[in-house]
């Protein structure tokens, strides 16, 4: 069976319509490395081929780059080094906390370190992790564009941005192929307020992070009677229904559910086989308004 795909911006490159958010494999409470490896194997065996990471996915500043290095090690062992890996720069670690730094010098240093962690001369997709309120976003992205021209980065993306910010980038002709923001049944502002549609009109892939709540809010999806009702109808999990809902909102949405266990990502991939009807969509449209 052919799996649904998403095109990465205007690149002509297609990836499976559900990616993998690798962050949980490196935070506090992370799984043993063998479990992380099996999680990645399950994702790849299920047809997945897009992995999202970041240099700050780690427990503290002493292990900056942990997740990137883990991803490379796993893909090498699994003989899948061709798989597209997206990473990010623009945050710093202070102890176990994140702060924003979108300065050109920090972005360049971060990108160089990510290249080492991923053992590559050119990062497939490099994303500004978050806009720095002290620095014009055009200045931050301008440095990414320079690194792209130098061959360090193949494609550019931005994360945690507003519609106003992405509009500025589009109007400035910045070659952005992706926007990565939080989006799910309980956080649908980017859908309702037109950011997803703006991206679609401008051939930008909308990467939905935390599509089933993220590291701290996934319990909301397990305890919701409306989601449970639709899930029971399809013989699916609540998480799979939430992902299927996202996939049917727009053809440029690429959800990247996080996973640290093989069974979690296997369950997420079942969403690719779910087709929600008008009644289902109407029921799920009430979620968050209860």
C-alpha atoms as a PDB file:
ATOM      1  CA  UNK A   1       0.000   0.000   0.000  1.00  0.00           C
ATOM      2  CA  UNK A   2       1.225   3.491  -0.873  1.00  0.00           C
ATOM      3  CA  UNK A   3       1.472   5.715   2.202  1.00  0.00           C
ATOM      4  CA  UNK A   4       0.183   9.305   2.132  1.00  0.00           C
ATOM      5  CA  UNK A   5       2.988  11.812   1.591  1.00  0.00           C
ATOM      6  CA  UNK A   6       3.730  15.495   2.051  1.00  0.00           C
ATOM      7  CA  UNK A   7       5.921  17.586  -0.208  1.00  0.00           C
ATOM      8  CA  UNK A   8       8.573  19.660   1.525  1.00  0.00           C
ATOM      9  CA  UNK A   9       7.717  23.164   0.411  1.00  0.00           C
ATOM     10  CA  UNK A  10       8.538  23.698  -3.253  1.00  0.00           C
ATOM     11  CA  UNK A  11      11.529  21.339  -3.128  1.00  0.00           C
ATOM     12  CA  UNK A  12       9.887  18.508  -5.035  1.00  0.00           C
ATOM     13  CA  UNK A  13      10.906  16.156  -2.214  1.00  0.00           C
ATOM     14  CA  UNK A  14       8.153  13.999  -0.744  1.00  0.00           C
ATOM     15  CA  UNK A  15       8.184  12.434   2.719  1.00  0.00           C
ATOM     16  CA  UNK A  16       5.770  10.221   4.612  1.00  0.00           C
ATOM     17  CA  UNK A  17       2.838  12.278   5.934  1.00  0.00           C
ATOM     18  CA  UNK A  18       3.784  11.491   9.548  1.00  0.00           C
ATOM     19  CA  UNK A  19       7.287  12.265  10.743  1.00  0.00           C
ATOM     20  CA  UNK A  20       9.034  11.509  14.021  1.00  0.00           C
ATOM     21  CA  UNK A  21       9.744  14.053  16.729  1.00  0.00           C
ATOM     22  CA  UNK A  22      12.889  12.663  18.349  1.00  0.00           C
ATOM     23  CA  UNK A  23      13.025  15.000  21.360  1.00  0.00           C
ATOM     24  CA  UNK A  24      11.666  12.522  23.982  1.00  0.00           C
ATOM     25  CA  UNK A  25      14.607  10.204  23.328  1.00  0.00           C
ATOM     26  CA  UNK A  26      17.001  12.711  24.931  1.00  0.00           C
ATOM     27  CA  UNK A  27      15.139  14.532  27.710  1.00  0.00           C
ATOM     28  CA  UNK A  28      14.989  13.618  31.386  1.00  0.00           C
ATOM     29  CA  UNK A  29      13.377  10.196  31.732  1.00  0.00           C
ATOM     30  CA  UNK A  30      14.636   9.184  28.312  1.00  0.00           C
ATOM     31  CA  UNK A  31      14.709   5.522  27.330  1.00  0.00           C
ATOM     32  CA  UNK A  32      17.817   3.329  27.200  1.00  0.00           C
ATOM     33  CA  UNK A  33      19.711   3.761  23.950  1.00  0.00           C
ATOM     34  CA  UNK A  34      18.650   0.286  22.789  1.00  0.00           C
ATOM     35  CA  UNK A  35      14.996   1.302  23.134  1.00  0.00           C
ATOM     36  CA  UNK A  36      15.593   4.520  21.232  1.00  0.00           C
ATOM     37  CA  UNK A  37      17.251   2.518  18.465  1.00  0.00           C
ATOM     38  CA  UNK A  38      14.276   0.154  18.292  1.00  0.00           C
ATOM     39  CA  UNK A  39      11.895   3.126  18.194  1.00  0.00           C
ATOM     40  CA  UNK A  40      13.699   4.508  15.176  1.00  0.00           C
ATOM     41  CA  UNK A  41      13.754   1.080  13.556  1.00  0.00           C
ATOM     42  CA  UNK A  42       9.993   0.741  14.029  1.00  0.00           C
ATOM     43  CA  UNK A  43       9.435   4.164  12.475  1.00  0.00           C
ATOM     44  CA  UNK A  44      11.566   3.380   9.433  1.00  0.00           C
ATOM     45  CA  UNK A  45      10.124  -0.110   8.992  1.00  0.00           C
ATOM     46  CA  UNK A  46       6.631   1.434   9.067  1.00  0.00           C
ATOM     47  CA  UNK A  47       7.444   3.708   6.149  1.00  0.00           C
ATOM     48  CA  UNK A  48       8.506   6.793   8.092  1.00  0.00           C
ATOM     49  CA  UNK A  49      11.293   8.855   6.557  1.00  0.00           C
ATOM     50  CA  UNK A  50      11.420  12.307   8.167  1.00  0.00           C
ATOM     51  CA  UNK A  51      13.013  12.895  11.575  1.00  0.00           C
ATOM     52  CA  UNK A  52      13.024  16.159  13.505  1.00  0.00           C
ATOM     53  CA  UNK A  53      15.664  16.954  16.129  1.00  0.00           C
ATOM     54  CA  UNK A  54      17.497  19.962  17.620  1.00  0.00           C
ATOM     55  CA  UNK A  55      20.830  20.677  19.233  1.00  0.00           C
ATOM     56  CA  UNK A  56      19.154  21.506  22.579  1.00  0.00           C
ATOM     57  CA  UNK A  57      17.281  18.215  22.874  1.00  0.00           C
ATOM     58  CA  UNK A  58      19.278  16.987  25.847  1.00  0.00           C
ATOM     59  CA  UNK A  59      19.180  16.986  29.643  1.00  0.00           C
ATOM     60  CA  UNK A  60      21.605  19.844  30.268  1.00  0.00           C
ATOM     61  CA  UNK A  61      24.198  22.085  28.648  1.00  0.00           C
ATOM     62  CA  UNK A  62      26.952  19.533  29.184  1.00  0.00           C
ATOM     63  CA  UNK A  63      25.391  17.163  26.630  1.00  0.00           C
ATOM     64  CA  UNK A  64      24.367  19.675  23.976  1.00  0.00           C
ATOM     65  CA  UNK A  65      23.766  17.809  20.716  1.00  0.00           C
ATOM     66  CA  UNK A  66      22.789  14.519  22.402  1.00  0.00           C
ATOM     67  CA  UNK A  67      19.718  13.935  20.256  1.00  0.00           C
ATOM     68  CA  UNK A  68      21.453  14.768  16.995  1.00  0.00           C
ATOM     69  CA  UNK A  69      24.309  12.379  17.789  1.00  0.00           C
ATOM     70  CA  UNK A  70      21.822   9.685  18.782  1.00  0.00           C
ATOM     71  CA  UNK A  71      19.936  10.061  15.498  1.00  0.00           C
ATOM     72  CA  UNK A  72      23.115   9.756  13.451  1.00  0.00           C
ATOM     73  CA  UNK A  73      24.283   6.711  15.404  1.00  0.00           C
ATOM     74  CA  UNK A  74      20.920   4.994  14.957  1.00  0.00           C
ATOM     75  CA  UNK A  75      20.621   5.752  11.224  1.00  0.00           C
ATOM     76  CA  UNK A  76      24.148   4.501  10.661  1.00  0.00           C
ATOM     77  CA  UNK A  77      23.469   1.251  12.510  1.00  0.00           C
ATOM     78  CA  UNK A  78      20.178   0.819  10.643  1.00  0.00           C
ATOM     79  CA  UNK A  79      21.795   1.616   7.268  1.00  0.00           C
ATOM     80  CA  UNK A  80      19.418   4.515   6.646  1.00  0.00           C
ATOM     81  CA  UNK A  81      21.715   7.520   6.394  1.00  0.00           C
ATOM     82  CA  UNK A  82      19.681   8.740   3.406  1.00  0.00           C
ATOM     83  CA  UNK A  83      16.688   9.585   5.632  1.00  0.00           C
ATOM     84  CA  UNK A  84      15.964  13.347   5.761  1.00  0.00           C
ATOM     85  CA  UNK A  85      16.848  14.814   9.159  1.00  0.00           C
ATOM     86  CA  UNK A  86      15.715  18.285  10.196  1.00  0.00           C
ATOM     87  CA  UNK A  87      17.414  20.084  13.053  1.00  0.00           C
ATOM     88  CA  UNK A  88      17.275  23.534  14.631  1.00  0.00           C
ATOM     89  CA  UNK A  89      19.398  26.293  16.084  1.00  0.00           C
ATOM     90  CA  UNK A  90      18.683  29.514  17.917  1.00  0.00           C
ATOM     91  CA  UNK A  91      18.379  28.402  21.531  1.00  0.00           C
ATOM     92  CA  UNK A  92      20.994  28.117  24.260  1.00  0.00           C
ATOM     93  CA  UNK A  93      21.121  25.801  27.244  1.00  0.00           C
ATOM     94  CA  UNK A  94      21.753  27.232  30.711  1.00  0.00           C
ATOM     95  CA  UNK A  95      21.799  24.286  33.071  1.00  0.00           C
ATOM     96  CA  UNK A  96      18.649  22.451  32.017  1.00  0.00           C
ATOM     97  CA  UNK A  97      16.775  25.536  30.745  1.00  0.00           C
ATOM     98  CA  UNK A  98      16.427  27.039  27.274  1.00  0.00           C
ATOM     99  CA  UNK A  99      16.957  30.687  26.347  1.00  0.00           C
ATOM    100  CA  UNK A 100      16.625  32.282  22.919  1.00  0.00           C
ATOM    101  CA  UNK A 101      19.666  33.459  20.963  1.00  0.00           C
ATOM    102  CA  UNK A 102      19.053  34.229  17.302  1.00  0.00           C
ATOM    103  CA  UNK A 103      22.320  36.107  16.787  1.00  0.00           C
ATOM    104  CA  UNK A 104      24.121  35.285  13.541  1.00  0.00           C
ATOM    105  CA  UNK A 105      27.276  34.223  15.388  1.00  0.00           C
ATOM    106  CA  UNK A 106      25.413  31.750  17.613  1.00  0.00           C
ATOM    107  CA  UNK A 107      23.394  30.376  14.713  1.00  0.00           C
ATOM    108  CA  UNK A 108      26.556  29.751  12.705  1.00  0.00           C
ATOM    109  CA  UNK A 109      28.299  28.081  15.638  1.00  0.00           C
ATOM    110  CA  UNK A 110      25.209  25.960  16.327  1.00  0.00           C
ATOM    111  CA  UNK A 111      24.930  24.891  12.700  1.00  0.00           C
ATOM    112  CA  UNK A 112      28.611  23.938  12.561  1.00  0.00           C
ATOM    113  CA  UNK A 113      28.213  21.818  15.714  1.00  0.00           C
ATOM    114  CA  UNK A 114      25.042  20.197  14.368  1.00  0.00           C
ATOM    115  CA  UNK A 115      26.915  19.250  11.208  1.00  0.00           C
ATOM    116  CA  UNK A 116      29.473  17.477  13.372  1.00  0.00           C
ATOM    117  CA  UNK A 117      26.801  15.754  15.479  1.00  0.00           C
ATOM    118  CA  UNK A 118      24.968  14.551  12.370  1.00  0.00           C
ATOM    119  CA  UNK A 119      28.250  13.755  10.601  1.00  0.00           C
ATOM    120  CA  UNK A 120      27.250  15.648   7.487  1.00  0.00           C
ATOM    121  CA  UNK A 121      28.673  18.411   5.316  1.00  0.00           C
ATOM    122  CA  UNK A 122      25.181  19.719   4.540  1.00  0.00           C
ATOM    123  CA  UNK A 123      22.162  19.661   6.862  1.00  0.00           C
ATOM    124  CA  UNK A 124      18.990  18.636   5.024  1.00  0.00           C
ATOM    125  CA  UNK A 125      16.622  21.092   6.765  1.00  0.00           C
ATOM    126  CA  UNK A 126      17.890  23.686   9.225  1.00  0.00           C
ATOM    127  CA  UNK A 127      15.287  25.635  11.193  1.00  0.00           C
ATOM    128  CA  UNK A 128      15.414  28.770  13.312  1.00  0.00           C
ATOM    129  CA  UNK A 129      14.180  27.275  16.593  1.00  0.00           C
ATOM    130  CA  UNK A 130      12.432  30.449  17.735  1.00  0.00           C
ATOM    131  CA  UNK A 131      12.548  34.152  16.860  1.00  0.00           C
ATOM    132  CA  UNK A 132      14.724  36.235  19.171  1.00  0.00           C
ATOM    133  CA  UNK A 133      12.767  39.263  20.445  1.00  0.00           C
ATOM    134  CA  UNK A 134      16.038  41.223  20.577  1.00  0.00           C
ATOM    135  CA  UNK A 135      17.009  40.533  16.955  1.00  0.00           C
ATOM    136  CA  UNK A 136      15.086  41.156  13.737  1.00  0.00           C
ATOM    137  CA  UNK A 137      13.991  37.789  12.327  1.00  0.00           C
ATOM    138  CA  UNK A 138      15.284  38.881   8.920  1.00  0.00           C
ATOM    139  CA  UNK A 139      18.770  39.177  10.439  1.00  0.00           C
ATOM    140  CA  UNK A 140      18.590  35.673  11.924  1.00  0.00           C
ATOM    141  CA  UNK A 141      17.221  34.110   8.764  1.00  0.00           C
ATOM    142  CA  UNK A 142      19.675  36.134   6.696  1.00  0.00           C
ATOM    143  CA  UNK A 143      22.522  34.267   8.385  1.00  0.00           C
ATOM    144  CA  UNK A 144      20.826  30.949   7.626  1.00  0.00           C
ATOM    145  CA  UNK A 145      20.571  32.033   3.999  1.00  0.00           C
ATOM    146  CA  UNK A 146      24.291  32.816   3.920  1.00  0.00           C
ATOM    147  CA  UNK A 147      25.049  29.363   5.308  1.00  0.00           C
ATOM    148  CA  UNK A 148      22.752  27.876   2.688  1.00  0.00           C
ATOM    149  CA  UNK A 149      24.664  29.711  -0.041  1.00  0.00           C
ATOM    150  CA  UNK A 150      27.892  28.325   1.434  1.00  0.00           C
ATOM    151  CA  UNK A 151      26.532  24.773   1.129  1.00  0.00           C
ATOM    152  CA  UNK A 152      26.113  24.096   4.855  1.00  0.00           C
ATOM    153  CA  UNK A 153      22.309  23.885   4.637  1.00  0.00           C
ATOM    154  CA  UNK A 154      20.109  22.442   1.885  1.00  0.00           C
ATOM    155  CA  UNK A 155      16.701  23.816   2.938  1.00  0.00           C
ATOM    156  CA  UNK A 156      15.588  26.474   5.429  1.00  0.00           C
ATOM    157  CA  UNK A 157      12.712  26.494   7.910  1.00  0.00           C
ATOM    158  CA  UNK A 158      11.483  28.490  10.887  1.00  0.00           C
ATOM    159  CA  UNK A 159       9.744  27.417  14.067  1.00  0.00           C
ATOM    160  CA  UNK A 160       7.456  28.970  16.656  1.00  0.00           C
ATOM    161  CA  UNK A 161       6.608  31.942  14.442  1.00  0.00           C
ATOM    162  CA  UNK A 162       3.557  34.138  13.983  1.00  0.00           C
ATOM    163  CA  UNK A 163       1.715  34.764  10.736  1.00  0.00           C
ATOM    164  CA  UNK A 164       3.139  38.296  10.693  1.00  0.00           C
ATOM    165  CA  UNK A 165       6.678  36.950  10.955  1.00  0.00           C
ATOM    166  CA  UNK A 166       6.312  34.357   8.216  1.00  0.00           C
ATOM    167  CA  UNK A 167       4.619  36.946   5.992  1.00  0.00           C
ATOM    168  CA  UNK A 168       7.645  39.231   6.411  1.00  0.00           C
ATOM    169  CA  UNK A 169       9.936  36.379   5.429  1.00  0.00           C
ATOM    170  CA  UNK A 170       7.852  35.524   2.367  1.00  0.00           C
ATOM    171  CA  UNK A 171       7.702  39.179   1.301  1.00  0.00           C
ATOM    172  CA  UNK A 172      11.485  39.421   1.674  1.00  0.00           C
ATOM    173  CA  UNK A 173      11.859  36.387  -0.640  1.00  0.00           C
ATOM    174  CA  UNK A 174      13.513  34.258   2.044  1.00  0.00           C
ATOM    175  CA  UNK A 175      13.540  30.669   0.678  1.00  0.00           C
ATOM    176  CA  UNK A 176      11.553  29.154   3.545  1.00  0.00           C
ATOM    177  CA  UNK A 177      10.205  25.648   2.857  1.00  0.00           C
ATOM    178  CA  UNK A 178       8.718  24.898   6.290  1.00  0.00           C
ATOM    179  CA  UNK A 179       7.101  26.403   9.375  1.00  0.00           C
ATOM    180  CA  UNK A 180       7.097  24.324  12.543  1.00  0.00           C
ATOM    181  CA  UNK A 181       4.572  25.364  15.203  1.00  0.00           C
ATOM    182  CA  UNK A 182       2.499  23.714  17.899  1.00  0.00           C
ATOM    183  CA  UNK A 183      -0.791  22.499  16.449  1.00  0.00           C
ATOM    184  CA  UNK A 184      -3.317  19.940  17.643  1.00  0.00           C
ATOM    185  CA  UNK A 185      -6.977  19.492  18.525  1.00  0.00           C
ATOM    186  CA  UNK A 186      -6.541  21.694  21.601  1.00  0.00           C
ATOM    187  CA  UNK A 187      -4.222  24.252  19.950  1.00  0.00           C
ATOM    188  CA  UNK A 188      -5.691  24.974  16.526  1.00  0.00           C
ATOM    189  CA  UNK A 189      -5.074  28.732  16.317  1.00  0.00           C
ATOM    190  CA  UNK A 190      -2.815  28.413  13.283  1.00  0.00           C
ATOM    191  CA  UNK A 191      -5.618  26.629  11.429  1.00  0.00           C
ATOM    192  CA  UNK A 192      -8.420  28.903  12.594  1.00  0.00           C
ATOM    193  CA  UNK A 193      -6.502  32.152  12.021  1.00  0.00           C
ATOM    194  CA  UNK A 194      -5.172  31.260   8.608  1.00  0.00           C
ATOM    195  CA  UNK A 195      -1.465  30.638   9.162  1.00  0.00           C
ATOM    196  CA  UNK A 196      -1.690  27.090   7.799  1.00  0.00           C
ATOM    197  CA  UNK A 197      -3.564  28.327   4.744  1.00  0.00           C
ATOM    198  CA  UNK A 198      -1.058  31.143   4.216  1.00  0.00           C
ATOM    199  CA  UNK A 199       1.700  28.534   4.233  1.00  0.00           C
ATOM    200  CA  UNK A 200      -0.208  26.345   1.785  1.00  0.00           C
ATOM    201  CA  UNK A 201      -0.730  29.277  -0.607  1.00  0.00           C
ATOM    202  CA  UNK A 202       2.995  29.984  -0.510  1.00  0.00           C
ATOM    203  CA  UNK A 203       4.050  26.327  -0.894  1.00  0.00           C
ATOM    204  CA  UNK A 204       5.391  26.071   2.641  1.00  0.00           C
ATOM    205  CA  UNK A 205       5.034  22.834   4.586  1.00  0.00           C
ATOM    206  CA  UNK A 206       3.454  23.274   8.006  1.00  0.00           C
ATOM    207  CA  UNK A 207       5.216  20.914  10.433  1.00  0.00           C
ATOM    208  CA  UNK A 208       2.917  20.370  13.409  1.00  0.00           C
ATOM    209  CA  UNK A 209       4.874  19.733  16.587  1.00  0.00           C
ATOM    210  CA  UNK A 210       3.134  18.441  19.728  1.00  0.00           C
ATOM    211  CA  UNK A 211       0.318  17.024  17.536  1.00  0.00           C
ATOM    212  CA  UNK A 212      -0.890  14.847  20.424  1.00  0.00           C
ATOM    213  CA  UNK A 213      -0.098  17.306  23.181  1.00  0.00           C
ATOM    214  CA  UNK A 214       3.648  17.082  23.465  1.00  0.00           C
ATOM    215  CA  UNK A 215       5.773  16.101  26.434  1.00  0.00           C
ATOM    216  CA  UNK A 216       3.450  17.569  29.073  1.00  0.00           C
ATOM    217  CA  UNK A 217      -0.104  17.750  27.655  1.00  0.00           C
ATOM    218  CA  UNK A 218      -0.726  14.361  26.040  1.00  0.00           C
ATOM    219  CA  UNK A 219      -3.041  13.331  28.889  1.00  0.00           C
ATOM    220  CA  UNK A 220      -5.677  15.726  27.517  1.00  0.00           C
ATOM    221  CA  UNK A 221      -6.108  13.424  24.533  1.00  0.00           C
ATOM    222  CA  UNK A 222      -6.558  10.292  26.604  1.00  0.00           C
ATOM    223  CA  UNK A 223      -9.302  11.691  28.810  1.00  0.00           C
ATOM    224  CA  UNK A 224     -11.509  13.321  26.199  1.00  0.00           C
ATOM    225  CA  UNK A 225     -14.882  11.654  25.618  1.00  0.00           C
ATOM    226  CA  UNK A 226     -15.364  13.134  22.131  1.00  0.00           C
ATOM    227  CA  UNK A 227     -12.045  11.777  20.900  1.00  0.00           C
ATOM    228  CA  UNK A 228     -12.801   8.450  22.610  1.00  0.00           C
ATOM    229  CA  UNK A 229     -16.118   8.211  20.764  1.00  0.00           C
ATOM    230  CA  UNK A 230     -14.528   8.681  17.346  1.00  0.00           C
ATOM    231  CA  UNK A 231     -11.646   6.370  18.273  1.00  0.00           C
ATOM    232  CA  UNK A 232     -14.059   3.597  19.265  1.00  0.00           C
ATOM    233  CA  UNK A 233     -15.873   3.935  15.939  1.00  0.00           C
ATOM    234  CA  UNK A 234     -12.622   3.393  14.015  1.00  0.00           C
ATOM    235  CA  UNK A 235     -11.085   0.855  16.388  1.00  0.00           C
ATOM    236  CA  UNK A 236      -8.161   3.225  16.824  1.00  0.00           C
ATOM    237  CA  UNK A 237      -6.343   4.988  19.643  1.00  0.00           C
ATOM    238  CA  UNK A 238      -7.156   8.539  20.681  1.00  0.00           C
ATOM    239  CA  UNK A 239      -3.698   9.606  19.533  1.00  0.00           C
ATOM    240  CA  UNK A 240      -4.180   8.109  16.074  1.00  0.00           C
ATOM    241  CA  UNK A 241      -7.508   9.916  15.707  1.00  0.00           C
ATOM    242  CA  UNK A 242      -5.888  13.216  16.689  1.00  0.00           C
ATOM    243  CA  UNK A 243      -3.201  12.712  14.053  1.00  0.00           C
ATOM    244  CA  UNK A 244      -5.720  11.686  11.395  1.00  0.00           C
ATOM    245  CA  UNK A 245      -7.685  14.864  12.159  1.00  0.00           C
ATOM    246  CA  UNK A 246      -4.581  16.971  11.565  1.00  0.00           C
ATOM    247  CA  UNK A 247      -3.802  15.215   8.300  1.00  0.00           C
ATOM    248  CA  UNK A 248      -7.284  16.033   7.001  1.00  0.00           C
ATOM    249  CA  UNK A 249      -7.105  19.729   7.873  1.00  0.00           C
ATOM    250  CA  UNK A 250      -4.765  20.609   4.999  1.00  0.00           C
ATOM    251  CA  UNK A 251      -2.535  18.791   2.564  1.00  0.00           C
ATOM    252  CA  UNK A 252       0.548  20.739   3.643  1.00  0.00           C
ATOM    253  CA  UNK A 253       0.396  19.669   7.324  1.00  0.00           C
ATOM    254  CA  UNK A 254       3.129  17.256   8.425  1.00  0.00           C
ATOM    255  CA  UNK A 255       2.611  16.083  12.037  1.00  0.00           C
ATOM    256  CA  UNK A 256       5.718  14.971  13.943  1.00  0.00           C
ATOM    257  CA  UNK A 257       4.521  13.074  17.038  1.00  0.00           C
ATOM    258  CA  UNK A 258       7.216  12.524  19.629  1.00  0.00           C
ATOM    259  CA  UNK A 259       8.087   8.991  20.644  1.00  0.00           C
ATOM    260  CA  UNK A 260      10.499   7.208  22.950  1.00  0.00           C
ATOM    261  CA  UNK A 261       9.044   3.707  22.636  1.00  0.00           C
ATOM    262  CA  UNK A 262       8.516   1.508  19.561  1.00  0.00           C
ATOM    263  CA  UNK A 263       4.839   0.952  20.368  1.00  0.00           C
ATOM    264  CA  UNK A 264       4.223   4.714  20.507  1.00  0.00           C
ATOM    265  CA  UNK A 265       5.473   5.468  17.006  1.00  0.00           C
ATOM    266  CA  UNK A 266       3.867   2.310  15.635  1.00  0.00           C
ATOM    267  CA  UNK A 267       0.559   3.546  16.987  1.00  0.00           C
ATOM    268  CA  UNK A 268       1.081   7.005  15.482  1.00  0.00           C
ATOM    269  CA  UNK A 269       1.673   5.526  12.036  1.00  0.00           C
ATOM    270  CA  UNK A 270      -1.739   3.820  12.131  1.00  0.00           C
ATOM    271  CA  UNK A 271      -3.230   7.286  11.587  1.00  0.00           C
ATOM    272  CA  UNK A 272      -2.130   7.031   7.961  1.00  0.00           C
ATOM    273  CA  UNK A 273      -4.857   4.430   7.399  1.00  0.00           C
ATOM    274  CA  UNK A 274      -7.702   6.372   9.042  1.00  0.00           C
ATOM    275  CA  UNK A 275     -10.206   8.342   6.996  1.00  0.00           C
ATOM    276  CA  UNK A 276     -12.508  10.524   9.072  1.00  0.00           C
ATOM    277  CA  UNK A 277     -15.960  11.292   7.689  1.00  0.00           C
ATOM    278  CA  UNK A 278     -17.934  14.517   8.042  1.00  0.00           C
ATOM    279  CA  UNK A 279     -19.611  13.291  11.230  1.00  0.00           C
ATOM    280  CA  UNK A 280     -16.242  12.497  12.793  1.00  0.00           C
ATOM    281  CA  UNK A 281     -14.828  15.870  11.859  1.00  0.00           C
ATOM    282  CA  UNK A 282     -17.863  17.653  13.262  1.00  0.00           C
ATOM    283  CA  UNK A 283     -17.528  15.741  16.539  1.00  0.00           C
ATOM    284  CA  UNK A 284     -13.819  16.495  16.805  1.00  0.00           C
ATOM    285  CA  UNK A 285     -14.518  20.116  15.981  1.00  0.00           C
ATOM    286  CA  UNK A 286     -16.126  20.386  19.409  1.00  0.00           C
ATOM    287  CA  UNK A 287     -12.942  19.321  21.213  1.00  0.00           C
ATOM    288  CA  UNK A 288     -11.571  22.135  23.333  1.00  0.00           C
ATOM    289  CA  UNK A 289     -14.937  23.865  23.436  1.00  0.00           C
ATOM    290  CA  UNK A 290     -16.427  21.514  26.037  1.00  0.00           C
END
